[in-house]
Amino acid sequence: MSIKLHISEEVKKMPIPELTEELPGDRLIEFYKKLGWDGEGEIDPNKVKLHPADLQKLYVREIEHAKKVYPNASAVEINLTVGMLWCNKGPSGCGNTQGKVELHKGWVSKAGQA
């Protein structure tokens, strides 16, 4: 007996957003809003996926940006705070499409439905 699995999952592919906000937390919010988040629903970062190489570039870019915003902060402090912000709340790095953000079905739920 053979079992056939058919997994149908909607995936929307979007360009990686260019971020213009100054503060690291605001940039994370801007990232999701530019992907279509309304600021109300609950985001599941595991369903927002970047190719590992793109995620690495994003981390480096965000840490370098934070060093300019907080010139008196130590590199260790910036690496920890900004790195952990994006690691904990940012997209996952298991995407398959380089240069795009993959938004998998259910990446954001309506407010109150999380």
Protein backbone atom coordinates (compact mmCIF):
# COMPACT_ATOMS: atom_id res chain seq x y z
CA MET A 1 0.00 0.00 0.00
CA SER A 2 1.36 3.37 -0.90
CA ILE A 3 0.41 6.55 0.86
CA LYS A 4 0.40 9.74 -1.11
CA LEU A 5 0.71 12.98 0.74
CA HIS A 6 -0.42 16.10 -0.99
CA ILE A 7 0.54 19.18 0.91
CA SER A 8 -0.98 22.31 -0.47
CA GLU A 9 0.35 25.39 1.19
CA GLU A 10 -0.14 28.89 -0.04
CA VAL A 11 3.11 30.82 -0.23
CA LYS A 12 3.26 34.45 -1.27
CA LYS A 13 6.68 35.70 -2.35
CA MET A 14 7.53 39.34 -1.79
CA PRO A 15 10.65 41.43 -2.33
CA ILE A 16 12.74 41.89 0.80
CA PRO A 17 11.64 45.29 2.13
CA GLU A 18 14.00 48.25 2.19
CA LEU A 19 13.97 49.70 5.69
CA THR A 20 14.09 53.43 6.36
CA GLU A 21 13.18 53.81 10.04
CA GLU A 22 15.96 54.77 12.43
CA LEU A 23 15.46 52.70 15.58
CA PRO A 24 15.95 48.92 15.51
CA GLY A 25 12.51 48.08 16.94
CA ASP A 26 10.83 50.45 14.50
CA ARG A 27 12.71 48.79 11.64
CA LEU A 28 11.38 45.38 12.64
CA ILE A 29 7.83 46.77 12.68
CA GLU A 30 8.44 48.45 9.32
CA PHE A 31 9.69 45.14 7.89
CA TYR A 32 6.40 43.40 8.69
CA LYS A 33 4.20 46.35 7.71
CA LYS A 34 5.84 46.50 4.28
CA LEU A 35 4.94 42.82 3.88
CA GLY A 36 1.28 43.58 4.58
CA TRP A 37 0.90 43.39 8.36
CA ASP A 38 -1.75 45.81 9.61
CA GLY A 39 -0.12 46.31 13.00
CA GLU A 40 -2.92 44.47 14.78
CA GLY A 41 -2.71 40.75 14.03
CA GLU A 42 -0.36 38.24 15.62
CA ILE A 43 2.70 37.44 13.49
CA ASP A 44 4.12 33.92 13.38
CA PRO A 45 7.79 34.55 12.44
CA ASN A 46 8.21 30.84 11.63
CA LYS A 47 5.90 31.36 8.64
CA VAL A 48 7.87 34.35 7.37
CA LYS A 49 10.92 32.85 5.69
CA LEU A 50 14.09 34.18 4.13
CA HIS A 51 16.77 32.20 2.37
CA PRO A 52 19.63 31.65 4.89
CA ALA A 53 22.00 33.89 2.90
CA ASP A 54 19.42 36.70 2.84
CA LEU A 55 18.79 36.35 6.56
CA GLN A 56 22.52 36.61 7.25
CA LYS A 57 22.70 39.79 5.13
CA LEU A 58 19.70 41.21 7.00
CA TYR A 59 21.33 40.56 10.39
CA VAL A 60 24.60 42.18 9.31
CA ARG A 61 22.79 45.17 7.79
CA GLU A 62 20.68 45.72 10.91
CA ILE A 63 23.64 45.44 13.27
CA GLU A 64 25.67 47.88 11.14
CA HIS A 65 22.73 50.29 11.06
CA ALA A 66 22.37 50.11 14.87
CA LYS A 67 26.08 50.92 15.28
CA LYS A 68 25.44 54.21 13.47
CA VAL A 69 22.34 54.98 15.54
CA TYR A 70 24.09 54.16 18.84
CA PRO A 71 27.74 55.16 18.29
CA ASN A 72 28.57 55.02 22.01
CA ALA A 73 27.24 51.49 22.53
CA SER A 74 29.72 48.63 22.53
CA ALA A 75 29.78 46.21 19.62
CA VAL A 76 28.90 43.38 22.01
CA GLU A 77 25.85 45.25 23.33
CA ILE A 78 24.59 46.02 19.82
CA ASN A 79 25.26 42.49 18.54
CA LEU A 80 23.34 41.02 21.47
CA THR A 81 20.37 43.38 21.53
CA VAL A 82 19.80 43.82 17.81
CA GLY A 83 20.79 40.26 16.99
CA MET A 84 18.41 38.84 19.58
CA LEU A 85 15.59 41.17 18.49
CA TRP A 86 15.77 39.84 14.92
CA CYS A 87 16.46 36.24 15.99
CA ASN A 88 13.45 36.18 18.31
CA LYS A 89 10.94 38.31 16.40
CA GLY A 90 12.26 38.41 12.86
CA PRO A 91 11.77 35.98 9.97
CA SER A 92 13.11 32.45 9.96
CA GLY A 93 16.06 31.45 7.81
CA CYS A 94 14.64 28.34 6.20
CA GLY A 95 13.30 29.91 3.01
CA ASN A 96 14.04 28.48 -0.41
CA THR A 97 13.80 31.59 -2.58
CA GLN A 98 16.84 33.83 -2.57
CA GLY A 99 16.02 37.54 -2.78
CA LYS A 100 12.41 37.11 -1.62
CA VAL A 101 10.46 36.85 1.60
CA GLU A 102 8.21 33.79 1.64
CA LEU A 103 4.92 34.43 3.46
CA HIS A 104 3.38 31.07 4.29
CA LYS A 105 -0.31 30.63 4.96
CA GLY A 106 -1.17 31.82 8.45
CA TRP A 107 1.87 34.10 8.82
CA VAL A 108 -0.38 36.66 10.42
CA SER A 109 -3.63 36.04 12.25
CA LYS A 110 -6.39 38.51 12.93
CA ALA A 111 -6.21 40.30 16.26
CA GLY A 112 -7.66 38.11 18.98
CA GLN A 113 -7.34 34.88 16.96
CA ALA A 114 -3.75 33.94 17.82
